[in-house]
PDB file of N, CA and C in Angstrom:
ATOM      1  N   MET A   1      46.410 120.221 118.519  1.00  0.00           N
ATOM      2  CA  MET A   1      47.240 119.410 119.030  1.00  0.00           C
ATOM      3  C   MET A   1      48.421 119.163 118.347  1.00  0.00           C
ATOM      4  N   LYS A   2      49.818 119.334 118.914  1.00  0.00           N
ATOM      5  CA  LYS A   2      50.720 119.260 118.074  1.00  0.00           C
ATOM      6  C   LYS A   2      51.342 117.705 118.010  1.00  0.00           C
ATOM      7  N   PRO A   3      52.129 117.436 117.012  1.00  0.00           N
ATOM      8  CA  PRO A   3      52.329 116.064 116.766  1.00  0.00           C
ATOM      9  C   PRO A   3      52.956 115.284 118.132  1.00  0.00           C
ATOM     10  N   GLU A   4      54.000 115.919 118.621  1.00  0.00           N
ATOM     11  CA  GLU A   4      54.659 115.384 119.809  1.00  0.00           C
ATOM     12  C   GLU A   4      53.593 115.224 120.661  1.00  0.00           C
ATOM     13  N   GLU A   5      52.415 116.193 121.104  1.00  0.00           N
ATOM     14  CA  GLU A   5      51.663 115.683 121.943  1.00  0.00           C
ATOM     15  C   GLU A   5      50.738 114.234 121.681  1.00  0.00           C
ATOM     16  N   LYS A   6      50.300 114.178 120.315  1.00  0.00           N
ATOM     17  CA  LYS A   6      49.487 113.223 119.979  1.00  0.00           C
ATOM     18  C   LYS A   6      50.336 111.798 120.089  1.00  0.00           C
ATOM     19  N   GLN A   7      51.624 111.853 119.875  1.00  0.00           N
ATOM     20  CA  GLN A   7      52.685 110.754 120.012  1.00  0.00           C
ATOM     21  C   GLN A   7      52.604 110.398 121.337  1.00  0.00           C
ATOM     22  N   ALA A   8      52.777 111.218 122.396  1.00  0.00           N
ATOM     23  CA  ALA A   8      52.773 110.937 123.763  1.00  0.00           C
ATOM     24  C   ALA A   8      51.484 110.601 124.249  1.00  0.00           C
ATOM     25  N   ALA A   9      50.534 110.960 123.839  1.00  0.00           N
ATOM     26  CA  ALA A   9      48.897 110.664 124.205  1.00  0.00           C
ATOM     27  C   ALA A   9      48.803 109.064 123.729  1.00  0.00           C
ATOM     28  N   ALA A  10      49.259 108.724 122.624  1.00  0.00           N
ATOM     29  CA  ALA A  10      49.427 107.457 121.996  1.00  0.00           C
ATOM     30  C   ALA A  10      50.263 106.516 122.717  1.00  0.00           C
ATOM     31  N   ARG A  11      51.262 106.841 122.954  1.00  0.00           N
ATOM     32  CA  ARG A  11      52.207 106.037 123.819  1.00  0.00           C
ATOM     33  C   ARG A  11      51.556 105.717 125.189  1.00  0.00           C
ATOM     34  N   ALA A  12      50.959 106.714 125.893  1.00  0.00           N
ATOM     35  CA  ALA A  12      50.390 106.732 127.336  1.00  0.00           C
ATOM     36  C   ALA A  12      49.337 105.574 127.015  1.00  0.00           C
ATOM     37  N   LEU A  13      48.327 105.756 126.265  1.00  0.00           N
ATOM     38  CA  LEU A  13      47.342 104.584 125.888  1.00  0.00           C
ATOM     39  C   LEU A  13      47.989 103.347 125.740  1.00  0.00           C
ATOM     40  N   LEU A  14      48.944 103.187 124.832  1.00  0.00           N
ATOM     41  CA  LEU A  14      49.445 101.764 124.470  1.00  0.00           C
ATOM     42  C   LEU A  14      50.034 101.024 125.781  1.00  0.00           C
ATOM     43  N   ASP A  15      50.790 102.211 126.477  1.00  0.00           N
ATOM     44  CA  ASP A  15      51.414 101.604 127.636  1.00  0.00           C
ATOM     45  C   ASP A  15      50.603 101.411 128.921  1.00  0.00           C
ATOM     46  N   ASN A  16      49.333 101.886 128.980  1.00  0.00           N
ATOM     47  CA  ASN A  16      48.318 101.422 129.991  1.00  0.00           C
ATOM     48  C   ASN A  16      47.979 100.091 129.954  1.00  0.00           C
ATOM     49  N   PRO A  17      47.930  99.072 130.823  1.00  0.00           N
ATOM     50  CA  PRO A  17      47.359  97.830 131.214  1.00  0.00           C
ATOM     51  C   PRO A  17      46.052  97.673 130.893  1.00  0.00           C
ATOM     52  N   LEU A  18      45.385  98.702 131.669  1.00  0.00           N
ATOM     53  CA  LEU A  18      43.987  98.491 131.490  1.00  0.00           C
ATOM     54  C   LEU A  18      43.326  98.814 129.905  1.00  0.00           C
ATOM     55  N   PHE A  19      44.088  99.977 129.440  1.00  0.00           N
ATOM     56  CA  PHE A  19      43.767 100.064 127.850  1.00  0.00           C
ATOM     57  C   PHE A  19      43.735  98.702 126.986  1.00  0.00           C
ATOM     58  N   GLU A  20      45.074  98.112 127.232  1.00  0.00           N
ATOM     59  CA  GLU A  20      45.283  97.018 126.379  1.00  0.00           C
ATOM     60  C   GLU A  20      44.446  95.864 126.439  1.00  0.00           C
ATOM     61  N   ARG A  21      44.028  95.693 128.001  1.00  0.00           N
ATOM     62  CA  ARG A  21      43.248  94.689 128.357  1.00  0.00           C
ATOM     63  C   ARG A  21      41.715  94.775 127.812  1.00  0.00           C
ATOM     64  N   LEU A  22      41.338  95.965 127.982  1.00  0.00           N
ATOM     65  CA  LEU A  22      39.998  96.581 127.132  1.00  0.00           C
ATOM     66  C   LEU A  22      40.001  96.205 125.770  1.00  0.00           C
ATOM     67  N   MET A  23      41.021  96.709 125.024  1.00  0.00           N
ATOM     68  CA  MET A  23      41.067  96.343 123.783  1.00  0.00           C
ATOM     69  C   MET A  23      41.054  95.001 123.021  1.00  0.00           C
ATOM     70  N   GLN A  24      41.722  94.038 124.012  1.00  0.00           N
ATOM     71  CA  GLN A  24      41.808  92.751 123.728  1.00  0.00           C
ATOM     72  C   GLN A  24      40.346  92.147 123.983  1.00  0.00           C
ATOM     73  N   GLU A  25      39.750  92.460 125.061  1.00  0.00           N
ATOM     74  CA  GLU A  25      38.291  92.114 125.635  1.00  0.00           C
ATOM     75  C   GLU A  25      37.237  92.545 124.180  1.00  0.00           C
ATOM     76  N   LEU A  26      37.348  93.761 123.983  1.00  0.00           N
ATOM     77  CA  LEU A  26      36.204  94.245 122.845  1.00  0.00           C
ATOM     78  C   LEU A  26      36.637  93.320 121.687  1.00  0.00           C
ATOM     79  N   GLU A  27      37.942  93.239 121.177  1.00  0.00           N
ATOM     80  CA  GLU A  27      38.265  92.434 119.893  1.00  0.00           C
ATOM     81  C   GLU A  27      37.663  90.908 120.106  1.00  0.00           C
ATOM     82  N   ALA A  28      38.138  90.320 121.252  1.00  0.00           N
ATOM     83  CA  ALA A  28      37.830  89.073 121.873  1.00  0.00           C
ATOM     84  C   ALA A  28      36.111  88.833 121.544  1.00  0.00           C
ATOM     85  N   ALA A  29      35.454  89.682 122.139  1.00  0.00           N
ATOM     86  CA  ALA A  29      34.023  89.624 122.169  1.00  0.00           C
ATOM     87  C   ALA A  29      33.211  89.963 120.663  1.00  0.00           C
ATOM     88  N   ALA A  30      33.795  90.726 119.838  1.00  0.00           N
ATOM     89  CA  ALA A  30      33.683  90.886 118.490  1.00  0.00           C
ATOM     90  C   ALA A  30      33.889  89.375 117.603  1.00  0.00           C
ATOM     91  N   ILE A  31      34.995  88.989 117.896  1.00  0.00           N
ATOM     92  CA  ILE A  31      35.281  87.464 117.218  1.00  0.00           C
ATOM     93  C   ILE A  31      34.263  86.630 117.570  1.00  0.00           C
ATOM     94  N   ASN A  32      34.107  86.337 118.985  1.00  0.00           N
ATOM     95  CA  ASN A  32      33.163  85.343 119.361  1.00  0.00           C
ATOM     96  C   ASN A  32      31.758  85.653 119.029  1.00  0.00           C
ATOM     97  N   GLY A  33      31.525  87.021 118.884  1.00  0.00           N
ATOM     98  CA  GLY A  33      30.205  87.145 118.524  1.00  0.00           C
ATOM     99  C   GLY A  33      30.001  86.961 116.900  1.00  0.00           C
ATOM    100  N   CYS A  34      30.950  87.074 116.111  1.00  0.00           N
ATOM    101  CA  CYS A  34      30.952  86.547 114.662  1.00  0.00           C
ATOM    102  C   CYS A  34      30.941  85.086 114.501  1.00  0.00           C
ATOM    103  N   ILE A  35      31.723  84.522 115.260  1.00  0.00           N
ATOM    104  CA  ILE A  35      31.751  83.144 115.305  1.00  0.00           C
ATOM    105  C   ILE A  35      30.611  82.402 115.916  1.00  0.00           C
ATOM    106  N   ASN A  36      29.791  82.809 116.752  1.00  0.00           N
ATOM    107  CA  ASN A  36      28.545  82.322 117.354  1.00  0.00           C
ATOM    108  C   ASN A  36      27.201  82.901 116.682  1.00  0.00           C
ATOM    109  N   ALA A  37      27.477  83.708 115.730  1.00  0.00           N
ATOM    110  CA  ALA A  37      26.108  84.232 115.239  1.00  0.00           C
ATOM    111  C   ALA A  37      25.562  82.852 114.419  1.00  0.00           C
ATOM    112  N   GLN A  38      24.150  83.237 114.171  1.00  0.00           N
ATOM    113  CA  GLN A  38      23.493  82.199 113.362  1.00  0.00           C
ATOM    114  C   GLN A  38      23.859  82.031 112.109  1.00  0.00           C
ATOM    115  N   LEU A  39      24.051  80.663 111.473  1.00  0.00           N
ATOM    116  CA  LEU A  39      24.329  80.531 110.251  1.00  0.00           C
ATOM    117  C   LEU A  39      23.750  81.405 109.351  1.00  0.00           C
ATOM    118  N   THR A  40      22.628  81.778 109.501  1.00  0.00           N
ATOM    119  CA  THR A  40      22.089  82.392 108.368  1.00  0.00           C
ATOM    120  C   THR A  40      21.761  84.145 108.558  1.00  0.00           C
ATOM    121  N   ASP A  41      22.806  84.364 109.661  1.00  0.00           N
ATOM    122  CA  ASP A  41      22.326  85.867 110.207  1.00  0.00           C
ATOM    123  C   ASP A  41      23.642  86.599 109.597  1.00  0.00           C
ATOM    124  N   HIS A  42      23.727  86.416 108.192  1.00  0.00           N
ATOM    125  CA  HIS A  42      24.939  87.081 107.792  1.00  0.00           C
ATOM    126  C   HIS A  42      25.149  88.774 108.235  1.00  0.00           C
ATOM    127  N   GLU A  43      24.013  89.623 108.289  1.00  0.00           N
ATOM    128  CA  GLU A  43      24.106  91.115 108.837  1.00  0.00           C
ATOM    129  C   GLU A  43      25.184  90.922 110.114  1.00  0.00           C
ATOM    130  N   ALA A  44      24.659  89.903 111.195  1.00  0.00           N
ATOM    131  CA  ALA A  44      25.138  89.978 112.267  1.00  0.00           C
ATOM    132  C   ALA A  44      26.648  89.646 112.205  1.00  0.00           C
ATOM    133  N   ARG A  45      26.845  88.549 111.536  1.00  0.00           N
ATOM    134  CA  ARG A  45      28.299  88.072 111.449  1.00  0.00           C
ATOM    135  C   ARG A  45      28.990  89.225 110.901  1.00  0.00           C
ATOM    136  N   ALA A  46      28.496  89.965 109.923  1.00  0.00           N
ATOM    137  CA  ALA A  46      29.278  91.072 109.213  1.00  0.00           C
ATOM    138  C   ALA A  46      29.586  92.196 110.304  1.00  0.00           C
ATOM    139  N   ALA A  47      28.715  92.604 110.981  1.00  0.00           N
ATOM    140  CA  ALA A  47      28.872  93.552 112.002  1.00  0.00           C
ATOM    141  C   ALA A  47      29.900  93.322 112.789  1.00  0.00           C
ATOM    142  N   PHE A  48      29.666  92.163 113.548  1.00  0.00           N
ATOM    143  CA  PHE A  48      30.844  91.637 114.534  1.00  0.00           C
ATOM    144  C   PHE A  48      32.257  91.724 113.849  1.00  0.00           C
ATOM    145  N   ALA A  49      32.346  91.207 112.565  1.00  0.00           N
ATOM    146  CA  ALA A  49      33.341  91.219 111.786  1.00  0.00           C
ATOM    147  C   ALA A  49      34.089  92.619 111.727  1.00  0.00           C
ATOM    148  N   ALA A  50      33.125  93.475 111.238  1.00  0.00           N
ATOM    149  CA  ALA A  50      33.576  94.929 111.130  1.00  0.00           C
ATOM    150  C   ALA A  50      33.926  95.740 112.615  1.00  0.00           C
ATOM    151  N   GLU A  51      33.284  95.266 113.682  1.00  0.00           N
ATOM    152  CA  GLU A  51      33.796  95.754 114.946  1.00  0.00           C
ATOM    153  C   GLU A  51      35.207  95.332 115.364  1.00  0.00           C
ATOM    154  N   ALA A  52      35.385  94.020 114.899  1.00  0.00           N
ATOM    155  CA  ALA A  52      36.706  93.347 115.395  1.00  0.00           C
ATOM    156  C   ALA A  52      37.857  94.273 114.585  1.00  0.00           C
ATOM    157  N   ARG A  53      37.426  94.386 113.268  1.00  0.00           N
ATOM    158  CA  ARG A  53      38.607  95.307 112.224  1.00  0.00           C
ATOM    159  C   ARG A  53      38.553  96.830 112.777  1.00  0.00           C
ATOM    160  N   ALA A  54      37.588  97.312 113.396  1.00  0.00           N
ATOM    161  CA  ALA A  54      37.729  98.685 113.991  1.00  0.00           C
ATOM    162  C   ALA A  54      38.647  98.778 115.200  1.00  0.00           C
ATOM    163  N   VAL A  55      38.329  97.653 115.740  1.00  0.00           N
ATOM    164  CA  VAL A  55      39.211  97.555 117.216  1.00  0.00           C
ATOM    165  C   VAL A  55      41.105  97.459 116.658  1.00  0.00           C
ATOM    166  N   ARG A  56      41.015  96.669 115.687  1.00  0.00           N
ATOM    167  CA  ARG A  56      42.354  96.379 115.234  1.00  0.00           C
ATOM    168  C   ARG A  56      42.963  97.582 114.409  1.00  0.00           C
ATOM    169  N   ASN A  57      42.037  98.296 113.709  1.00  0.00           N
ATOM    170  CA  ASN A  57      42.539  99.469 113.139  1.00  0.00           C
ATOM    171  C   ASN A  57      42.777 100.644 113.976  1.00  0.00           C
ATOM    172  N   PHE A  58      42.038 100.740 115.237  1.00  0.00           N
ATOM    173  CA  PHE A  58      42.442 101.811 116.021  1.00  0.00           C
ATOM    174  C   PHE A  58      43.638 101.531 116.769  1.00  0.00           C
ATOM    175  N   CYS A  59      43.871 100.281 117.260  1.00  0.00           N
ATOM    176  CA  CYS A  59      45.208  99.761 117.786  1.00  0.00           C
ATOM    177  C   CYS A  59      46.357 100.190 116.842  1.00  0.00           C
ATOM    178  N   ALA A  60      46.128  99.657 115.424  1.00  0.00           N
ATOM    179  CA  ALA A  60      46.974 100.325 114.536  1.00  0.00           C
ATOM    180  C   ALA A  60      47.617 101.610 114.429  1.00  0.00           C
ATOM    181  N   LYS A  61      46.521 102.279 114.641  1.00  0.00           N
ATOM    182  CA  LYS A  61      46.601 103.895 114.217  1.00  0.00           C
ATOM    183  C   LYS A  61      47.594 104.254 115.396  1.00  0.00           C
ATOM    184  N   LEU A  62      47.228 103.857 116.731  1.00  0.00           N
ATOM    185  CA  LEU A  62      47.928 104.184 117.911  1.00  0.00           C
ATOM    186  C   LEU A  62      49.477 104.143 117.734  1.00  0.00           C
ATOM    187  N   LYS A  63      49.640 102.679 117.140  1.00  0.00           N
ATOM    188  CA  LYS A  63      50.891 102.280 117.244  1.00  0.00           C
ATOM    189  C   LYS A  63      51.729 103.167 116.176  1.00  0.00           C
ATOM    190  N   PHE A  64      51.153 103.483 114.863  1.00  0.00           N
ATOM    191  CA  PHE A  64      51.618 104.267 113.893  1.00  0.00           C
ATOM    192  C   PHE A  64      51.826 105.533 114.406  1.00  0.00           C
ATOM    193  N   LEU A  65      51.088 106.310 115.575  1.00  0.00           N
ATOM    194  CA  LEU A  65      51.210 107.688 116.041  1.00  0.00           C
ATOM    195  C   LEU A  65      52.934 107.256 116.571  1.00  0.00           C
ATOM    196  N   THR A  66      53.057 106.264 117.535  1.00  0.00           N
ATOM    197  CA  THR A  66      54.138 106.056 118.337  1.00  0.00           C
ATOM    198  C   THR A  66      55.466 105.811 117.390  1.00  0.00           C
ATOM    199  N   GLU A  67      55.137 105.114 116.119  1.00  0.00           N
ATOM    200  CA  GLU A  67      56.336 104.681 115.469  1.00  0.00           C
ATOM    201  C   GLU A  67      56.636 106.273 114.719  1.00  0.00           C
ATOM    202  N   GLN A  68      55.889 107.046 114.582  1.00  0.00           N
ATOM    203  CA  GLN A  68      56.084 108.112 113.672  1.00  0.00           C
ATOM    204  C   GLN A  68      57.181 109.084 114.428  1.00  0.00           C
ATOM    205  N   ALA A  69      57.068 108.945 115.653  1.00  0.00           N
ATOM    206  CA  ALA A  69      58.288 109.773 116.296  1.00  0.00           C
ATOM    207  C   ALA A  69      59.519 109.185 115.976  1.00  0.00           C
ATOM    208  N   LYS A  70      59.642 107.939 115.910  1.00  0.00           N
ATOM    209  CA  LYS A  70      61.046 107.201 115.445  1.00  0.00           C
ATOM    210  C   LYS A  70      61.567 107.745 113.986  1.00  0.00           C
ATOM    211  N   THR A  71      60.582 107.992 113.067  1.00  0.00           N
ATOM    212  CA  THR A  71      60.823 108.727 111.945  1.00  0.00           C
ATOM    213  C   THR A  71      60.540 110.001 111.545  1.00  0.00           C
ATOM    214  N   GLU A  72      61.360 110.820 112.374  1.00  0.00           N
ATOM    215  CA  GLU A  72      61.236 112.184 112.529  1.00  0.00           C
ATOM    216  C   GLU A  72      61.405 112.898 110.922  1.00  0.00           C
ATOM    217  N   GLY A  73      60.694 113.871 110.789  1.00  0.00           N
ATOM    218  CA  GLY A  73      60.796 114.753 109.394  1.00  0.00           C
ATOM    219  C   GLY A  73      59.828 114.013 108.656  1.00  0.00           C
ATOM    220  N   THR A  74      58.879 113.283 108.969  1.00  0.00           N
ATOM    221  CA  THR A  74      58.050 112.663 107.745  1.00  0.00           C
ATOM    222  C   THR A  74      56.618 112.996 108.665  1.00  0.00           C
ATOM    223  N   ASN A  75      56.157 114.108 108.495  1.00  0.00           N
ATOM    224  CA  ASN A  75      54.834 114.730 109.057  1.00  0.00           C
ATOM    225  C   ASN A  75      53.965 114.425 107.992  1.00  0.00           C
ATOM    226  N   ALA A  76      53.530 113.148 107.921  1.00  0.00           N
ATOM    227  CA  ALA A  76      52.601 113.280 106.894  1.00  0.00           C
ATOM    228  C   ALA A  76      51.169 113.346 107.433  1.00  0.00           C
ATOM    229  N   PRO A  77      49.989 113.784 106.751  1.00  0.00           N
ATOM    230  CA  PRO A  77      48.721 113.962 107.558  1.00  0.00           C
ATOM    231  C   PRO A  77      48.279 112.850 107.807  1.00  0.00           C
ATOM    232  N   LEU A  78      47.361 112.928 108.832  1.00  0.00           N
ATOM    233  CA  LEU A  78      46.468 111.766 109.604  1.00  0.00           C
ATOM    234  C   LEU A  78      45.346 111.613 109.042  1.00  0.00           C
TER     235      LEU A  78
END
């Protein structure tokens, strides 16, 4: 996949309201799971926190791909 195709695909995902809503719901569910985990269940809390971070990192990666188009000439490997 060419860099331009990656950028276009990332932009299409970010512009899709259903995708945005889904990512928000996934993140909110993970955060709620972290908050509502039993006080002594450190593993569950850590797993929910990792899930929330993963959703945020995924969205950040998509945003990076779309921003990369603005800084032409910097084809850094992903």
